[in-house]
PDB file of N, CA and C in Angstrom:
ATOM      1  N   MET A   1     -12.982  11.662 -11.207  1.00  0.00           N
ATOM      2  CA  MET A   1     -11.975  10.635 -11.688  1.00  0.00           C
ATOM      3  C   MET A   1     -10.630  10.481 -10.819  1.00  0.00           C
ATOM      4  N   LYS A   2      -9.820  11.466 -11.019  1.00  0.00           N
ATOM      5  CA  LYS A   2      -8.862  11.669 -10.140  1.00  0.00           C
ATOM      6  C   LYS A   2      -8.740  11.555  -8.701  1.00  0.00           C
ATOM      7  N   PHE A   3      -9.978  12.318  -8.422  1.00  0.00           N
ATOM      8  CA  PHE A   3     -10.152  12.261  -6.994  1.00  0.00           C
ATOM      9  C   PHE A   3     -10.682  10.753  -6.319  1.00  0.00           C
ATOM     10  N   LYS A   4     -11.673  10.056  -7.219  1.00  0.00           N
ATOM     11  CA  LYS A   4     -12.115   8.945  -6.640  1.00  0.00           C
ATOM     12  C   LYS A   4     -10.814   7.603  -6.679  1.00  0.00           C
ATOM     13  N   LEU A   5      -9.988   8.107  -7.494  1.00  0.00           N
ATOM     14  CA  LEU A   5      -8.690   6.537  -7.964  1.00  0.00           C
ATOM     15  C   LEU A   5      -7.648   7.361  -6.837  1.00  0.00           C
ATOM     16  N   THR A   6      -7.566   8.532  -6.485  1.00  0.00           N
ATOM     17  CA  THR A   6      -6.402   8.637  -5.214  1.00  0.00           C
ATOM     18  C   THR A   6      -7.251   8.162  -4.007  1.00  0.00           C
ATOM     19  N   LEU A   7      -8.096   8.668  -3.808  1.00  0.00           N
ATOM     20  CA  LEU A   7      -9.056   8.310  -2.544  1.00  0.00           C
ATOM     21  C   LEU A   7      -9.285   6.264  -2.657  1.00  0.00           C
ATOM     22  N   PHE A   8      -9.003   5.788  -3.257  1.00  0.00           N
ATOM     23  CA  PHE A   8      -9.215   4.577  -3.450  1.00  0.00           C
ATOM     24  C   PHE A   8      -7.705   3.956  -3.064  1.00  0.00           C
ATOM     25  N   LEU A   9      -6.724   4.725  -3.820  1.00  0.00           N
ATOM     26  CA  LEU A   9      -5.318   3.869  -3.705  1.00  0.00           C
ATOM     27  C   LEU A   9      -4.817   4.648  -2.405  1.00  0.00           C
ATOM     28  N   CYS A  10      -5.190   5.564  -1.865  1.00  0.00           N
ATOM     29  CA  CYS A  10      -4.964   5.960  -0.313  1.00  0.00           C
ATOM     30  C   CYS A  10      -5.388   5.250   0.481  1.00  0.00           C
ATOM     31  N   VAL A  11      -6.853   4.567   0.721  1.00  0.00           N
ATOM     32  CA  VAL A  11      -7.466   4.156   1.488  1.00  0.00           C
ATOM     33  C   VAL A  11      -6.948   2.633   1.287  1.00  0.00           C
ATOM     34  N   ALA A  12      -6.575   2.163   0.233  1.00  0.00           N
ATOM     35  CA  ALA A  12      -5.929   0.735   0.293  1.00  0.00           C
ATOM     36  C   ALA A  12      -4.954   0.636   1.047  1.00  0.00           C
ATOM     37  N   LEU A  13      -4.051   1.463   0.580  1.00  0.00           N
ATOM     38  CA  LEU A  13      -2.732   1.383   0.974  1.00  0.00           C
ATOM     39  C   LEU A  13      -2.840   1.635   2.134  1.00  0.00           C
ATOM     40  N   ALA A  14      -3.395   2.865   3.280  1.00  0.00           N
ATOM     41  CA  ALA A  14      -3.429   2.545   4.441  1.00  0.00           C
ATOM     42  C   ALA A  14      -4.151   1.474   5.561  1.00  0.00           C
ATOM     43  N   ILE A  15      -5.042   0.590   4.788  1.00  0.00           N
ATOM     44  CA  ILE A  15      -5.701  -0.796   5.195  1.00  0.00           C
ATOM     45  C   ILE A  15      -4.411  -1.771   5.081  1.00  0.00           C
ATOM     46  N   VAL A  16      -3.747  -1.972   4.172  1.00  0.00           N
ATOM     47  CA  VAL A  16      -2.465  -2.675   4.173  1.00  0.00           C
ATOM     48  C   VAL A  16      -1.395  -2.368   5.021  1.00  0.00           C
ATOM     49  N   ALA A  17      -1.049  -1.392   5.203  1.00  0.00           N
ATOM     50  CA  ALA A  17       0.139  -0.720   6.072  1.00  0.00           C
ATOM     51  C   ALA A  17      -0.265  -0.748   7.226  1.00  0.00           C
ATOM     52  N   GLY A  18      -1.636  -0.456   7.737  1.00  0.00           N
ATOM     53  CA  GLY A  18      -2.041  -0.484   8.967  1.00  0.00           C
ATOM     54  C   GLY A  18      -2.369  -2.122   9.768  1.00  0.00           C
ATOM     55  N   ALA A  19      -2.676  -3.002   8.368  1.00  0.00           N
ATOM     56  CA  ALA A  19      -2.447  -4.025   8.999  1.00  0.00           C
ATOM     57  C   ALA A  19      -1.093  -4.728   9.489  1.00  0.00           C
ATOM     58  N   PHE A  20      -0.367  -4.546   8.246  1.00  0.00           N
ATOM     59  CA  PHE A  20       1.370  -5.030   8.795  1.00  0.00           C
ATOM     60  C   PHE A  20       1.969  -4.337  10.084  1.00  0.00           C
ATOM     61  N   LEU A  21       2.033  -2.645  10.042  1.00  0.00           N
ATOM     62  CA  LEU A  21       2.122  -1.977  11.334  1.00  0.00           C
ATOM     63  C   LEU A  21       1.667  -2.515  12.656  1.00  0.00           C
ATOM     64  N   GLY A  22       0.146  -2.651  12.406  1.00  0.00           N
ATOM     65  CA  GLY A  22      -0.649  -3.270  13.560  1.00  0.00           C
ATOM     66  C   GLY A  22      -0.205  -4.605  14.378  1.00  0.00           C
ATOM     67  N   GLU A  23       0.061  -5.417  13.315  1.00  0.00           N
ATOM     68  CA  GLU A  23       0.760  -6.608  13.703  1.00  0.00           C
ATOM     69  C   GLU A  23       2.021  -6.627  14.449  1.00  0.00           C
ATOM     70  N   LEU A  24       3.058  -5.714  14.031  1.00  0.00           N
ATOM     71  CA  LEU A  24       3.958  -5.516  14.923  1.00  0.00           C
ATOM     72  C   LEU A  24       4.299  -4.617  16.332  1.00  0.00           C
ATOM     73  N   ALA A  25       2.691  -3.769  16.233  1.00  0.00           N
ATOM     74  CA  ALA A  25       2.508  -3.346  17.462  1.00  0.00           C
ATOM     75  C   ALA A  25       2.086  -3.637  18.302  1.00  0.00           C
ATOM     76  N   ALA A  26       1.302  -4.843  18.150  1.00  0.00           N
ATOM     77  CA  ALA A  26       1.037  -5.924  19.114  1.00  0.00           C
ATOM     78  C   ALA A  26       1.908  -6.911  19.393  1.00  0.00           C
ATOM     79  N   ARG A  27       2.900  -6.900  19.175  1.00  0.00           N
ATOM     80  CA  ARG A  27       4.192  -7.955  19.299  1.00  0.00           C
ATOM     81  C   ARG A  27       5.068  -6.979  20.001  1.00  0.00           C
ATOM     82  N   SER A  28       4.760  -5.816  20.427  1.00  0.00           N
ATOM     83  CA  SER A  28       5.744  -5.016  21.013  1.00  0.00           C
ATOM     84  C   SER A  28       5.463  -5.174  22.401  1.00  0.00           C
ATOM     85  N   ILE A  29       6.673  -4.833  23.292  1.00  0.00           N
ATOM     86  CA  ILE A  29       6.413  -4.956  24.939  1.00  0.00           C
ATOM     87  C   ILE A  29       6.020  -3.306  25.545  1.00  0.00           C
ATOM     88  N   ASN A  30       6.066  -2.562  24.387  1.00  0.00           N
ATOM     89  CA  ASN A  30       6.044  -1.140  25.207  1.00  0.00           C
ATOM     90  C   ASN A  30       4.685  -1.155  25.258  1.00  0.00           C
ATOM     91  N   PRO A  31       4.260  -0.419  26.371  1.00  0.00           N
ATOM     92  CA  PRO A  31       2.609  -0.738  26.372  1.00  0.00           C
ATOM     93  C   PRO A  31       2.124   0.496  25.540  1.00  0.00           C
ATOM     94  N   TYR A  32       2.970   1.585  25.521  1.00  0.00           N
ATOM     95  CA  TYR A  32       2.693   2.830  24.938  1.00  0.00           C
ATOM     96  C   TYR A  32       2.361   2.582  23.386  1.00  0.00           C
ATOM     97  N   ILE A  33       3.015   1.303  22.900  1.00  0.00           N
ATOM     98  CA  ILE A  33       2.575   0.933  21.432  1.00  0.00           C
ATOM     99  C   ILE A  33       1.733  -0.105  21.313  1.00  0.00           C
ATOM    100  N   SER A  34       1.869  -0.974  22.211  1.00  0.00           N
ATOM    101  CA  SER A  34       1.121  -2.358  22.129  1.00  0.00           C
ATOM    102  C   SER A  34      -0.372  -2.000  21.568  1.00  0.00           C
ATOM    103  N   TRP A  35      -0.821  -0.987  22.174  1.00  0.00           N
ATOM    104  CA  TRP A  35      -2.115  -1.204  22.044  1.00  0.00           C
ATOM    105  C   TRP A  35      -2.869  -0.489  20.744  1.00  0.00           C
ATOM    106  N   LEU A  36      -1.776  -0.039  19.863  1.00  0.00           N
ATOM    107  CA  LEU A  36      -2.261   0.296  18.266  1.00  0.00           C
ATOM    108  C   LEU A  36      -2.500  -1.085  17.793  1.00  0.00           C
ATOM    109  N   GLY A  37      -2.167  -2.341  18.211  1.00  0.00           N
ATOM    110  CA  GLY A  37      -2.142  -3.375  17.531  1.00  0.00           C
ATOM    111  C   GLY A  37      -3.604  -4.406  17.937  1.00  0.00           C
ATOM    112  N   TYR A  38      -4.324  -3.632  18.899  1.00  0.00           N
ATOM    113  CA  TYR A  38      -5.477  -4.202  19.446  1.00  0.00           C
ATOM    114  C   TYR A  38      -6.460  -4.317  18.104  1.00  0.00           C
ATOM    115  N   ALA A  39      -7.176  -5.600  18.339  1.00  0.00           N
ATOM    116  CA  ALA A  39      -7.911  -5.973  16.908  1.00  0.00           C
ATOM    117  C   ALA A  39      -9.108  -6.358  17.593  1.00  0.00           C
ATOM    118  N   ILE A  40     -10.159  -5.714  16.819  1.00  0.00           N
ATOM    119  CA  ILE A  40     -11.532  -6.872  16.715  1.00  0.00           C
ATOM    120  C   ILE A  40     -11.884  -7.849  15.354  1.00  0.00           C
ATOM    121  N   ASN A  41     -12.179  -8.750  15.838  1.00  0.00           N
ATOM    122  CA  ASN A  41     -12.489 -10.110  15.035  1.00  0.00           C
ATOM    123  C   ASN A  41     -14.012 -10.160  15.022  1.00  0.00           C
ATOM    124  N   PHE A  42     -14.729 -10.224  13.572  1.00  0.00           N
ATOM    125  CA  PHE A  42     -16.153 -10.469  13.534  1.00  0.00           C
ATOM    126  C   PHE A  42     -16.485 -11.143  11.965  1.00  0.00           C
ATOM    127  N   GLY A  43     -17.698 -11.238  11.806  1.00  0.00           N
ATOM    128  CA  GLY A  43     -18.057 -11.998  10.706  1.00  0.00           C
ATOM    129  C   GLY A  43     -18.938 -13.305  11.012  1.00  0.00           C
ATOM    130  N   PHE A  44     -19.301 -14.056  10.194  1.00  0.00           N
ATOM    131  CA  PHE A  44     -19.768 -14.939   9.822  1.00  0.00           C
ATOM    132  C   PHE A  44     -19.453 -16.087   9.265  1.00  0.00           C
ATOM    133  N   ASP A  45     -19.968 -17.203   9.898  1.00  0.00           N
ATOM    134  CA  ASP A  45     -19.456 -18.482   9.368  1.00  0.00           C
ATOM    135  C   ASP A  45     -19.805 -18.685   7.863  1.00  0.00           C
ATOM    136  N   THR A  46     -19.025 -19.973   7.490  1.00  0.00           N
ATOM    137  CA  THR A  46     -19.457 -20.012   5.845  1.00  0.00           C
ATOM    138  C   THR A  46     -21.236 -20.879   6.148  1.00  0.00           C
ATOM    139  N   LYS A  47     -22.034 -20.286   4.948  1.00  0.00           N
ATOM    140  CA  LYS A  47     -22.924 -20.805   4.859  1.00  0.00           C
ATOM    141  C   LYS A  47     -22.987 -21.654   3.620  1.00  0.00           C
ATOM    142  N   ASN A  48     -23.608 -22.573   3.358  1.00  0.00           N
ATOM    143  CA  ASN A  48     -23.558 -23.757   2.166  1.00  0.00           C
ATOM    144  C   ASN A  48     -24.894 -23.698   1.722  1.00  0.00           C
ATOM    145  N   PHE A  49     -25.127 -23.259   0.383  1.00  0.00           N
ATOM    146  CA  PHE A  49     -26.477 -23.872  -0.364  1.00  0.00           C
ATOM    147  C   PHE A  49     -26.177 -24.521  -1.475  1.00  0.00           C
ATOM    148  N   ASP A  50     -26.835 -25.718  -1.210  1.00  0.00           N
ATOM    149  CA  ASP A  50     -26.698 -26.658  -2.367  1.00  0.00           C
ATOM    150  C   ASP A  50     -27.534 -27.131  -2.943  1.00  0.00           C
ATOM    151  N   LEU A  51     -28.051 -26.697  -4.278  1.00  0.00           N
ATOM    152  CA  LEU A  51     -29.133 -26.763  -5.263  1.00  0.00           C
ATOM    153  C   LEU A  51     -28.991 -27.856  -6.110  1.00  0.00           C
ATOM    154  N   HIS A  52     -28.086 -28.707  -5.671  1.00  0.00           N
ATOM    155  CA  HIS A  52     -27.899 -30.024  -6.636  1.00  0.00           C
ATOM    156  C   HIS A  52     -27.279 -29.813  -7.782  1.00  0.00           C
ATOM    157  N   VAL A  53     -27.601 -29.014  -8.318  1.00  0.00           N
ATOM    158  CA  VAL A  53     -26.998 -28.460  -9.916  1.00  0.00           C
ATOM    159  C   VAL A  53     -25.363 -27.510  -9.159  1.00  0.00           C
ATOM    160  N   LEU A  54     -25.706 -26.724  -8.744  1.00  0.00           N
ATOM    161  CA  LEU A  54     -25.083 -25.829  -8.230  1.00  0.00           C
ATOM    162  C   LEU A  54     -24.830 -25.261  -6.472  1.00  0.00           C
ATOM    163  N   GLN A  55     -23.572 -25.290  -6.234  1.00  0.00           N
ATOM    164  CA  GLN A  55     -23.177 -25.337  -4.910  1.00  0.00           C
ATOM    165  C   GLN A  55     -22.569 -23.938  -4.333  1.00  0.00           C
ATOM    166  N   LEU A  56     -22.945 -23.114  -3.604  1.00  0.00           N
ATOM    167  CA  LEU A  56     -23.082 -21.993  -3.129  1.00  0.00           C
ATOM    168  C   LEU A  56     -22.260 -22.004  -1.941  1.00  0.00           C
ATOM    169  N   ASN A  57     -20.861 -21.172  -1.699  1.00  0.00           N
ATOM    170  CA  ASN A  57     -20.468 -21.107  -0.235  1.00  0.00           C
ATOM    171  C   ASN A  57     -20.415 -19.776  -0.188  1.00  0.00           C
ATOM    172  N   PHE A  58     -20.780 -18.917   1.112  1.00  0.00           N
ATOM    173  CA  PHE A  58     -20.905 -17.677   1.566  1.00  0.00           C
ATOM    174  C   PHE A  58     -20.320 -17.716   3.053  1.00  0.00           C
ATOM    175  N   GLY A  59     -19.350 -16.555   3.128  1.00  0.00           N
ATOM    176  CA  GLY A  59     -18.876 -16.593   4.615  1.00  0.00           C
ATOM    177  C   GLY A  59     -17.957 -15.162   4.184  1.00  0.00           C
ATOM    178  N   LEU A  60     -18.036 -14.623   5.712  1.00  0.00           N
ATOM    179  CA  LEU A  60     -16.760 -13.528   5.716  1.00  0.00           C
ATOM    180  C   LEU A  60     -16.455 -13.224   7.096  1.00  0.00           C
ATOM    181  N   HIS A  61     -15.138 -12.920   7.133  1.00  0.00           N
ATOM    182  CA  HIS A  61     -14.253 -12.621   8.571  1.00  0.00           C
ATOM    183  C   HIS A  61     -13.450 -11.459   8.353  1.00  0.00           C
ATOM    184  N   MET A  62     -13.754 -10.406   9.123  1.00  0.00           N
ATOM    185  CA  MET A  62     -13.023  -9.015   9.235  1.00  0.00           C
ATOM    186  C   MET A  62     -12.123  -9.238  10.467  1.00  0.00           C
ATOM    187  N   ASN A  63     -10.852  -8.703  10.330  1.00  0.00           N
ATOM    188  CA  ASN A  63      -9.910  -8.438  11.629  1.00  0.00           C
ATOM    189  C   ASN A  63      -9.339  -7.452  11.240  1.00  0.00           C
ATOM    190  N   ILE A  64     -10.056  -6.048  12.439  1.00  0.00           N
ATOM    191  CA  ILE A  64      -9.588  -4.813  11.908  1.00  0.00           C
ATOM    192  C   ILE A  64      -8.991  -4.192  13.543  1.00  0.00           C
ATOM    193  N   ASN A  65      -7.842  -3.570  13.347  1.00  0.00           N
ATOM    194  CA  ASN A  65      -6.986  -3.060  14.105  1.00  0.00           C
ATOM    195  C   ASN A  65      -7.154  -1.315  14.150  1.00  0.00           C
ATOM    196  N   VAL A  66      -6.620  -0.961  15.582  1.00  0.00           N
ATOM    197  CA  VAL A  66      -6.644   0.673  15.875  1.00  0.00           C
ATOM    198  C   VAL A  66      -6.268   1.438  14.845  1.00  0.00           C
ATOM    199  N   LEU A  67      -4.820   0.897  14.342  1.00  0.00           N
ATOM    200  CA  LEU A  67      -3.921   1.151  13.719  1.00  0.00           C
ATOM    201  C   LEU A  67      -4.571   1.077  12.220  1.00  0.00           C
ATOM    202  N   GLN A  68      -5.021   0.491  11.523  1.00  0.00           N
ATOM    203  CA  GLN A  68      -5.507   0.272  10.464  1.00  0.00           C
ATOM    204  C   GLN A  68      -6.525   1.518  10.421  1.00  0.00           C
ATOM    205  N   LEU A  69      -7.885   1.538  11.526  1.00  0.00           N
ATOM    206  CA  LEU A  69      -8.679   2.956  11.599  1.00  0.00           C
ATOM    207  C   LEU A  69      -7.966   4.123  11.309  1.00  0.00           C
ATOM    208  N   ILE A  70      -7.048   4.219  12.226  1.00  0.00           N
ATOM    209  CA  ILE A  70      -6.361   5.653  12.065  1.00  0.00           C
ATOM    210  C   ILE A  70      -5.484   6.001  11.117  1.00  0.00           C
ATOM    211  N   LEU A  71      -4.749   5.057  10.216  1.00  0.00           N
ATOM    212  CA  LEU A  71      -4.511   5.122   9.138  1.00  0.00           C
ATOM    213  C   LEU A  71      -5.768   5.735   7.994  1.00  0.00           C
ATOM    214  N   THR A  72      -6.190   4.896   8.019  1.00  0.00           N
ATOM    215  CA  THR A  72      -7.914   4.806   7.129  1.00  0.00           C
ATOM    216  C   THR A  72      -8.069   6.539   7.318  1.00  0.00           C
ATOM    217  N   LEU A  73      -8.487   7.002   8.229  1.00  0.00           N
ATOM    218  CA  LEU A  73      -8.950   8.132   8.642  1.00  0.00           C
ATOM    219  C   LEU A  73      -8.195   9.262   7.925  1.00  0.00           C
ATOM    220  N   ILE A  74      -6.666   8.893   8.383  1.00  0.00           N
ATOM    221  CA  ILE A  74      -5.714  10.176   7.763  1.00  0.00           C
ATOM    222  C   ILE A  74      -5.917   9.807   6.365  1.00  0.00           C
ATOM    223  N   ALA A  75      -5.905   8.768   5.692  1.00  0.00           N
ATOM    224  CA  ALA A  75      -5.855   8.562   4.075  1.00  0.00           C
ATOM    225  C   ALA A  75      -7.216   9.416   3.569  1.00  0.00           C
ATOM    226  N   ALA A  76      -8.327   9.238   4.586  1.00  0.00           N
ATOM    227  CA  ALA A  76      -9.469  10.133   3.781  1.00  0.00           C
ATOM    228  C   ALA A  76      -9.652  11.651   3.986  1.00  0.00           C
ATOM    229  N   VAL A  77      -8.497  12.044   4.757  1.00  0.00           N
ATOM    230  CA  VAL A  77      -8.808  13.305   5.127  1.00  0.00           C
ATOM    231  C   VAL A  77      -7.693  14.020   4.040  1.00  0.00           C
ATOM    232  N   SER A  78      -6.822  13.105   3.879  1.00  0.00           N
ATOM    233  CA  SER A  78      -5.667  13.692   3.086  1.00  0.00           C
ATOM    234  C   SER A  78      -5.702  13.531   1.616  1.00  0.00           C
ATOM    235  N   ALA A  79      -6.574  12.382   1.253  1.00  0.00           N
ATOM    236  CA  ALA A  79      -6.852  12.293   0.011  1.00  0.00           C
ATOM    237  C   ALA A  79      -7.292  13.498  -1.181  1.00  0.00           C
ATOM    238  N   PRO A  80      -8.169  14.334  -0.645  1.00  0.00           N
ATOM    239  CA  PRO A  80      -8.549  15.634  -1.337  1.00  0.00           C
ATOM    240  C   PRO A  80      -7.253  16.327  -1.662  1.00  0.00           C
ATOM    241  N   LYS A  81      -6.479  16.444  -0.560  1.00  0.00           N
ATOM    242  CA  LYS A  81      -5.424  17.208  -0.991  1.00  0.00           C
ATOM    243  C   LYS A  81      -4.534  16.776  -1.867  1.00  0.00           C
ATOM    244  N   LEU A  82      -3.998  15.285  -1.600  1.00  0.00           N
ATOM    245  CA  LEU A  82      -3.145  14.713  -2.620  1.00  0.00           C
ATOM    246  C   LEU A  82      -3.824  14.886  -4.065  1.00  0.00           C
ATOM    247  N   ALA A  83      -5.184  14.603  -4.341  1.00  0.00           N
ATOM    248  CA  ALA A  83      -5.679  14.782  -5.564  1.00  0.00           C
ATOM    249  C   ALA A  83      -5.552  16.105  -6.503  1.00  0.00           C
ATOM    250  N   ALA A  84      -5.788  17.122  -5.439  1.00  0.00           N
ATOM    251  CA  ALA A  84      -5.580  18.188  -5.780  1.00  0.00           C
ATOM    252  C   ALA A  84      -4.088  18.804  -6.480  1.00  0.00           C
ATOM    253  N   SER A  85      -3.121  18.191  -5.851  1.00  0.00           N
ATOM    254  CA  SER A  85      -1.715  18.413  -6.322  1.00  0.00           C
ATOM    255  C   SER A  85      -1.179  17.783  -7.382  1.00  0.00           C
ATOM    256  N   ILE A  86      -2.250  16.692  -7.608  1.00  0.00           N
ATOM    257  CA  ILE A  86      -1.343  15.623  -8.586  1.00  0.00           C
ATOM    258  C   ILE A  86      -2.064  16.438  -9.953  1.00  0.00           C
ATOM    259  N   LYS A  87      -0.862  17.068 -10.984  1.00  0.00           N
ATOM    260  CA  LYS A  87      -1.217  17.672 -11.983  1.00  0.00           C
ATOM    261  C   LYS A  87      -1.411  16.135 -13.059  1.00  0.00           C
ATOM    262  N   THR A  88      -2.143  16.701 -14.097  1.00  0.00           N
ATOM    263  CA  THR A  88      -2.395  15.698 -14.992  1.00  0.00           C
ATOM    264  C   THR A  88      -1.992  16.250 -16.755  1.00  0.00           C
ATOM    265  N   LYS A  89      -1.902  15.783 -17.415  1.00  0.00           N
ATOM    266  CA  LYS A  89      -1.656  16.044 -18.873  1.00  0.00           C
ATOM    267  C   LYS A  89      -3.054  16.375 -19.711  1.00  0.00           C
ATOM    268  N   GLU A  90      -3.430  17.168 -20.123  1.00  0.00           N
ATOM    269  CA  GLU A  90      -4.722  17.869 -20.449  1.00  0.00           C
ATOM    270  C   GLU A  90      -4.559  18.037 -22.163  1.00  0.00           C
TER     271      GLU A  90
END
């Protein structure tokens, strides 16, 4: 349980931090940093299902940048070590 929670929190933090830092890197004029902000957009547009009583809308769009991928890999590798170092009350 401790490992799963630590992994989830580390990956979630890496995704949020990577999105923020990737946006900053994309705006940089330094070519050694700006490539970290390169992003790929993919997904599908909204699909509507009208059943006369119930209307359902489905859609998904994702924007992933290079820095998010790097930070997510680092978080996934370091999460087991971090979970092992956390002491719990028993």
